[in-house]
Amino acid sequence: MYSNQISPFLKAHLFKTYIRPITYYGLENCKISKCEMRKLQTMEGLVIKQTLSLEKRSRTTNLLSMSQ
């Protein structure tokens, strides 16, 4: 998934179908605070940046909205 030979479209599809559901599995029944939700979104952003070979400090506001 971290290979540059895989297209960004396929990486986004894999993220949406495998990584995101695993991350959020079981959280529908839990009460999550705003702070915890922010941490989950931060983790999600870091995973997206790693898969697209971006730096940690790069802005991904548009990227995160496109992945939803």
PDB file of N, CA and C in Angstrom:
ATOM      1  N   MET A   1       0.825  -1.188   0.000  1.00  0.00           N
ATOM      2  CA  MET A   1       0.000   0.000   0.000  1.00  0.00           C
ATOM      3  C   MET A   1       0.870   1.254   0.000  1.00  0.00           C
ATOM      4  N   TYR A   2       2.099   1.133   0.486  1.00  0.00           N
ATOM      5  CA  TYR A   2       2.986   2.289   0.529  1.00  0.00           C
ATOM      6  C   TYR A   2       3.805   2.416  -0.752  1.00  0.00           C
ATOM      7  N   SER A   3       3.604   1.533  -1.706  1.00  0.00           N
ATOM      8  CA  SER A   3       4.350   1.553  -2.954  1.00  0.00           C
ATOM      9  C   SER A   3       3.879   2.701  -3.843  1.00  0.00           C
ATOM     10  N   ASN A   4       4.801   3.280  -4.578  1.00  0.00           N
ATOM     11  CA  ASN A   4       4.445   4.347  -5.517  1.00  0.00           C
ATOM     12  C   ASN A   4       3.861   3.788  -6.807  1.00  0.00           C
ATOM     13  N   GLN A   5       3.914   2.472  -6.980  1.00  0.00           N
ATOM     14  CA  GLN A   5       3.393   1.862  -8.197  1.00  0.00           C
ATOM     15  C   GLN A   5       1.874   1.713  -8.164  1.00  0.00           C
ATOM     16  N   ILE A   6       1.287   1.829  -7.000  1.00  0.00           N
ATOM     17  CA  ILE A   6      -0.172   1.736  -6.862  1.00  0.00           C
ATOM     18  C   ILE A   6      -0.760   3.128  -7.059  1.00  0.00           C
ATOM     19  N   SER A   7      -1.813   3.223  -7.844  1.00  0.00           N
ATOM     20  CA  SER A   7      -2.415   4.527  -8.129  1.00  0.00           C
ATOM     21  C   SER A   7      -3.080   5.109  -6.880  1.00  0.00           C
ATOM     22  N   PRO A   8      -3.111   6.441  -6.769  1.00  0.00           N
ATOM     23  CA  PRO A   8      -3.781   7.073  -5.623  1.00  0.00           C
ATOM     24  C   PRO A   8      -5.262   6.702  -5.529  1.00  0.00           C
ATOM     25  N   PHE A   9      -5.913   6.511  -6.677  1.00  0.00           N
ATOM     26  CA  PHE A   9      -7.324   6.111  -6.663  1.00  0.00           C
ATOM     27  C   PHE A   9      -7.495   4.759  -5.977  1.00  0.00           C
ATOM     28  N   LEU A  10      -6.627   3.796  -6.309  1.00  0.00           N
ATOM     29  CA  LEU A  10      -6.705   2.474  -5.699  1.00  0.00           C
ATOM     30  C   LEU A  10      -6.371   2.540  -4.212  1.00  0.00           C
ATOM     31  N   LYS A  11      -5.406   3.373  -3.840  1.00  0.00           N
ATOM     32  CA  LYS A  11      -5.059   3.542  -2.431  1.00  0.00           C
ATOM     33  C   LYS A  11      -6.243   4.097  -1.648  1.00  0.00           C
ATOM     34  N   ALA A  12      -6.934   5.076  -2.228  1.00  0.00           N
ATOM     35  CA  ALA A  12      -8.108   5.651  -1.565  1.00  0.00           C
ATOM     36  C   ALA A  12      -9.207   4.605  -1.420  1.00  0.00           C
ATOM     37  N   HIS A  13      -9.392   3.801  -2.449  1.00  0.00           N
ATOM     38  CA  HIS A  13     -10.408   2.746  -2.391  1.00  0.00           C
ATOM     39  C   HIS A  13     -10.072   1.726  -1.306  1.00  0.00           C
ATOM     40  N   LEU A  14      -8.821   1.308  -1.227  1.00  0.00           N
ATOM     41  CA  LEU A  14      -8.401   0.360  -0.194  1.00  0.00           C
ATOM     42  C   LEU A  14      -8.575   0.957   1.196  1.00  0.00           C
ATOM     43  N   PHE A  15      -8.263   2.243   1.326  1.00  0.00           N
ATOM     44  CA  PHE A  15      -8.423   2.911   2.614  1.00  0.00           C
ATOM     45  C   PHE A  15      -9.884   2.923   3.040  1.00  0.00           C
ATOM     46  N   LYS A  16     -10.768   3.278   2.108  1.00  0.00           N
ATOM     47  CA  LYS A  16     -12.196   3.360   2.431  1.00  0.00           C
ATOM     48  C   LYS A  16     -12.805   1.997   2.744  1.00  0.00           C
ATOM     49  N   THR A  17     -12.348   0.948   2.049  1.00  0.00           N
ATOM     50  CA  THR A  17     -12.988  -0.353   2.210  1.00  0.00           C
ATOM     51  C   THR A  17     -12.374  -1.226   3.293  1.00  0.00           C
ATOM     52  N   TYR A  18     -11.103  -1.001   3.641  1.00  0.00           N
ATOM     53  CA  TYR A  18     -10.453  -1.867   4.627  1.00  0.00           C
ATOM     54  C   TYR A  18     -10.014  -1.141   5.889  1.00  0.00           C
ATOM     55  N   ILE A  19      -9.264  -0.073   5.734  1.00  0.00           N
ATOM     56  CA  ILE A  19      -8.653   0.571   6.899  1.00  0.00           C
ATOM     57  C   ILE A  19      -9.679   1.326   7.727  1.00  0.00           C
ATOM     58  N   ARG A  20     -10.502   2.147   7.092  1.00  0.00           N
ATOM     59  CA  ARG A  20     -11.497   2.929   7.840  1.00  0.00           C
ATOM     60  C   ARG A  20     -12.497   2.050   8.591  1.00  0.00           C
ATOM     61  N   PRO A  21     -13.072   1.010   7.969  1.00  0.00           N
ATOM     62  CA  PRO A  21     -14.007   0.171   8.737  1.00  0.00           C
ATOM     63  C   PRO A  21     -13.354  -0.530   9.926  1.00  0.00           C
ATOM     64  N   ILE A  22     -12.107  -0.965   9.764  1.00  0.00           N
ATOM     65  CA  ILE A  22     -11.410  -1.614  10.878  1.00  0.00           C
ATOM     66  C   ILE A  22     -11.190  -0.617  12.003  1.00  0.00           C
ATOM     67  N   THR A  23     -10.831   0.612  11.648  1.00  0.00           N
ATOM     68  CA  THR A  23     -10.562   1.643  12.652  1.00  0.00           C
ATOM     69  C   THR A  23     -11.814   1.987  13.451  1.00  0.00           C
ATOM     70  N   TYR A  24     -12.938   2.115  12.776  1.00  0.00           N
ATOM     71  CA  TYR A  24     -14.157   2.565  13.436  1.00  0.00           C
ATOM     72  C   TYR A  24     -15.075   1.426  13.883  1.00  0.00           C
ATOM     73  N   TYR A  25     -14.630   0.182  13.741  1.00  0.00           N
ATOM     74  CA  TYR A  25     -15.460  -0.963  14.128  1.00  0.00           C
ATOM     75  C   TYR A  25     -15.801  -0.897  15.619  1.00  0.00           C
ATOM     76  N   GLY A  26     -17.059  -0.988  15.933  1.00  0.00           N
ATOM     77  CA  GLY A  26     -17.505  -1.011  17.319  1.00  0.00           C
ATOM     78  C   GLY A  26     -17.672   0.353  17.959  1.00  0.00           C
ATOM     79  N   LEU A  27     -17.285   1.412  17.277  1.00  0.00           N
ATOM     80  CA  LEU A  27     -17.382   2.741  17.876  1.00  0.00           C
ATOM     81  C   LEU A  27     -18.779   3.342  17.781  1.00  0.00           C
ATOM     82  N   GLU A  28     -19.663   2.695  17.026  1.00  0.00           N
ATOM     83  CA  GLU A  28     -21.021   3.220  16.907  1.00  0.00           C
ATOM     84  C   GLU A  28     -21.744   3.184  18.248  1.00  0.00           C
ATOM     85  N   ASN A  29     -21.375   2.240  19.083  1.00  0.00           N
ATOM     86  CA  ASN A  29     -22.051   2.072  20.370  1.00  0.00           C
ATOM     87  C   ASN A  29     -21.368   2.805  21.509  1.00  0.00           C
ATOM     88  N   CYS A  30     -20.234   3.411  21.246  1.00  0.00           N
ATOM     89  CA  CYS A  30     -19.478   4.105  22.292  1.00  0.00           C
ATOM     90  C   CYS A  30     -19.748   5.603  22.227  1.00  0.00           C
ATOM     91  N   LYS A  31     -19.700   6.220  23.372  1.00  0.00           N
ATOM     92  CA  LYS A  31     -19.811   7.670  23.421  1.00  0.00           C
ATOM     93  C   LYS A  31     -18.394   8.237  23.306  1.00  0.00           C
ATOM     94  N   ILE A  32     -18.151   8.953  22.221  1.00  0.00           N
ATOM     95  CA  ILE A  32     -16.813   9.472  21.942  1.00  0.00           C
ATOM     96  C   ILE A  32     -16.825  10.981  22.138  1.00  0.00           C
ATOM     97  N   SER A  33     -15.859  11.471  22.887  1.00  0.00           N
ATOM     98  CA  SER A  33     -15.765  12.915  23.110  1.00  0.00           C
ATOM     99  C   SER A  33     -15.171  13.591  21.873  1.00  0.00           C
ATOM    100  N   LYS A  34     -15.278  14.901  21.830  1.00  0.00           N
ATOM    101  CA  LYS A  34     -14.722  15.657  20.709  1.00  0.00           C
ATOM    102  C   LYS A  34     -13.216  15.468  20.614  1.00  0.00           C
ATOM    103  N   CYS A  35     -12.558  15.396  21.763  1.00  0.00           N
ATOM    104  CA  CYS A  35     -11.108  15.200  21.800  1.00  0.00           C
ATOM    105  C   CYS A  35     -10.730  13.845  21.202  1.00  0.00           C
ATOM    106  N   GLU A  36     -11.462  12.811  21.566  1.00  0.00           N
ATOM    107  CA  GLU A  36     -11.181  11.479  21.030  1.00  0.00           C
ATOM    108  C   GLU A  36     -11.469  11.413  19.536  1.00  0.00           C
ATOM    109  N   MET A  37     -12.521  12.085  19.087  1.00  0.00           N
ATOM    110  CA  MET A  37     -12.839  12.116  17.662  1.00  0.00           C
ATOM    111  C   MET A  37     -11.744  12.838  16.889  1.00  0.00           C
ATOM    112  N   ARG A  38     -11.229  13.904  17.456  1.00  0.00           N
ATOM    113  CA  ARG A  38     -10.137  14.639  16.826  1.00  0.00           C
ATOM    114  C   ARG A  38      -8.892  13.756  16.695  1.00  0.00           C
ATOM    115  N   LYS A  39      -8.626  12.939  17.723  1.00  0.00           N
ATOM    116  CA  LYS A  39      -7.481  12.027  17.676  1.00  0.00           C
ATOM    117  C   LYS A  39      -7.664  10.971  16.586  1.00  0.00           C
ATOM    118  N   LEU A  40      -8.889  10.458  16.439  1.00  0.00           N
ATOM    119  CA  LEU A  40      -9.169   9.492  15.375  1.00  0.00           C
ATOM    120  C   LEU A  40      -8.974  10.119  13.998  1.00  0.00           C
ATOM    121  N   GLN A  41      -9.428  11.356  13.837  1.00  0.00           N
ATOM    122  CA  GLN A  41      -9.263  12.041  12.562  1.00  0.00           C
ATOM    123  C   GLN A  41      -7.795  12.328  12.274  1.00  0.00           C
ATOM    124  N   THR A  42      -7.030  12.641  13.320  1.00  0.00           N
ATOM    125  CA  THR A  42      -5.597  12.864  13.155  1.00  0.00           C
ATOM    126  C   THR A  42      -4.910  11.584  12.706  1.00  0.00           C
ATOM    127  N   MET A  43      -5.251  10.471  13.334  1.00  0.00           N
ATOM    128  CA  MET A  43      -4.682   9.187  12.950  1.00  0.00           C
ATOM    129  C   MET A  43      -5.043   8.848  11.513  1.00  0.00           C
ATOM    130  N   GLU A  44      -6.278   9.113  11.137  1.00  0.00           N
ATOM    131  CA  GLU A  44      -6.735   8.849   9.781  1.00  0.00           C
ATOM    132  C   GLU A  44      -5.945   9.692   8.778  1.00  0.00           C
ATOM    133  N   GLY A  45      -5.720  10.947   9.107  1.00  0.00           N
ATOM    134  CA  GLY A  45      -4.940  11.823   8.238  1.00  0.00           C
ATOM    135  C   GLY A  45      -3.504  11.360   8.087  1.00  0.00           C
ATOM    136  N   LEU A  46      -2.905  10.884   9.177  1.00  0.00           N
ATOM    137  CA  LEU A  46      -1.528  10.385   9.109  1.00  0.00           C
ATOM    138  C   LEU A  46      -1.430   9.136   8.236  1.00  0.00           C
ATOM    139  N   VAL A  47      -2.417   8.260   8.322  1.00  0.00           N
ATOM    140  CA  VAL A  47      -2.413   7.056   7.487  1.00  0.00           C
ATOM    141  C   VAL A  47      -2.536   7.442   6.019  1.00  0.00           C
ATOM    142  N   ILE A  48      -3.414   8.384   5.710  1.00  0.00           N
ATOM    143  CA  ILE A  48      -3.574   8.832   4.325  1.00  0.00           C
ATOM    144  C   ILE A  48      -2.280   9.447   3.816  1.00  0.00           C
ATOM    145  N   LYS A  49      -1.644  10.268   4.624  1.00  0.00           N
ATOM    146  CA  LYS A  49      -0.383  10.886   4.215  1.00  0.00           C
ATOM    147  C   LYS A  49       0.697   9.844   3.967  1.00  0.00           C
ATOM    148  N   GLN A  50       0.771   8.832   4.825  1.00  0.00           N
ATOM    149  CA  GLN A  50       1.778   7.788   4.644  1.00  0.00           C
ATOM    150  C   GLN A  50       1.532   7.002   3.366  1.00  0.00           C
ATOM    151  N   THR A  51       0.283   6.684   3.079  1.00  0.00           N
ATOM    152  CA  THR A  51      -0.001   5.897   1.882  1.00  0.00           C
ATOM    153  C   THR A  51       0.268   6.682   0.611  1.00  0.00           C
ATOM    154  N   LEU A  52       0.126   7.999   0.665  1.00  0.00           N
ATOM    155  CA  LEU A  52       0.385   8.831  -0.512  1.00  0.00           C
ATOM    156  C   LEU A  52       1.796   9.406  -0.518  1.00  0.00           C
ATOM    157  N   SER A  53       2.632   8.971   0.409  1.00  0.00           N
ATOM    158  CA  SER A  53       4.034   9.408   0.516  1.00  0.00           C
ATOM    159  C   SER A  53       4.152  10.915   0.689  1.00  0.00           C
ATOM    160  N   LEU A  54       3.285  11.485   1.511  1.00  0.00           N
ATOM    161  CA  LEU A  54       3.346  12.910   1.820  1.00  0.00           C
ATOM    162  C   LEU A  54       4.033  13.103   3.163  1.00  0.00           C
ATOM    163  N   GLU A  55       4.529  14.305   3.404  1.00  0.00           N
ATOM    164  CA  GLU A  55       5.150  14.604   4.686  1.00  0.00           C
ATOM    165  C   GLU A  55       4.074  14.731   5.763  1.00  0.00           C
ATOM    166  N   LYS A  56       4.477  14.514   7.012  1.00  0.00           N
ATOM    167  CA  LYS A  56       3.527  14.596   8.124  1.00  0.00           C
ATOM    168  C   LYS A  56       2.911  15.982   8.247  1.00  0.00           C
ATOM    169  N   ARG A  57       3.681  16.994   7.955  1.00  0.00           N
ATOM    170  CA  ARG A  57       3.215  18.364   8.162  1.00  0.00           C
ATOM    171  C   ARG A  57       2.539  18.975   6.934  1.00  0.00           C
ATOM    172  N   SER A  58       2.309  18.188   5.901  1.00  0.00           N
ATOM    173  CA  SER A  58       1.625  18.730   4.729  1.00  0.00           C
ATOM    174  C   SER A  58       0.137  18.894   5.032  1.00  0.00           C
ATOM    175  N   ARG A  59      -0.465  19.906   4.454  1.00  0.00           N
ATOM    176  CA  ARG A  59      -1.890  20.161   4.681  1.00  0.00           C
ATOM    177  C   ARG A  59      -2.714  19.210   3.836  1.00  0.00           C
ATOM    178  N   THR A  60      -3.719  18.640   4.453  1.00  0.00           N
ATOM    179  CA  THR A  60      -4.553  17.667   3.745  1.00  0.00           C
ATOM    180  C   THR A  60      -6.035  17.944   3.924  1.00  0.00           C
ATOM    181  N   THR A  61      -6.398  19.180   4.095  1.00  0.00           N
ATOM    182  CA  THR A  61      -7.809  19.503   4.314  1.00  0.00           C
ATOM    183  C   THR A  61      -8.657  18.992   3.154  1.00  0.00           C
ATOM    184  N   ASN A  62      -8.250  19.284   1.932  1.00  0.00           N
ATOM    185  CA  ASN A  62      -9.007  18.833   0.769  1.00  0.00           C
ATOM    186  C   ASN A  62      -8.910  17.327   0.600  1.00  0.00           C
ATOM    187  N   LEU A  63      -7.755  16.777   0.901  1.00  0.00           N
ATOM    188  CA  LEU A  63      -7.547  15.346   0.756  1.00  0.00           C
ATOM    189  C   LEU A  63      -8.459  14.560   1.686  1.00  0.00           C
ATOM    190  N   LEU A  64      -8.582  14.997   2.919  1.00  0.00           N
ATOM    191  CA  LEU A  64      -9.438  14.298   3.879  1.00  0.00           C
ATOM    192  C   LEU A  64     -10.908  14.407   3.494  1.00  0.00           C
ATOM    193  N   SER A  65     -11.321  15.541   2.966  1.00  0.00           N
ATOM    194  CA  SER A  65     -12.724  15.680   2.573  1.00  0.00           C
ATOM    195  C   SER A  65     -13.032  14.828   1.345  1.00  0.00           C
ATOM    196  N   MET A  66     -12.044  14.632   0.463  1.00  0.00           N
ATOM    197  CA  MET A  66     -12.254  13.799  -0.716  1.00  0.00           C
ATOM    198  C   MET A  66     -12.339  12.323  -0.348  1.00  0.00           C
ATOM    199  N   SER A  67     -11.686  11.927   0.740  1.00  0.00           N
ATOM    200  CA  SER A  67     -11.663  10.510   1.104  1.00  0.00           C
ATOM    201  C   SER A  67     -12.952  10.058   1.768  1.00  0.00           C
ATOM    202  N   GLN A  68     -13.851  10.966   2.101  1.00  0.00           N
ATOM    203  CA  GLN A  68     -15.074  10.575   2.806  1.00  0.00           C
ATOM    204  C   GLN A  68     -16.180  10.247   1.883  1.00  0.00           C
TER     205      GLN A  68
END
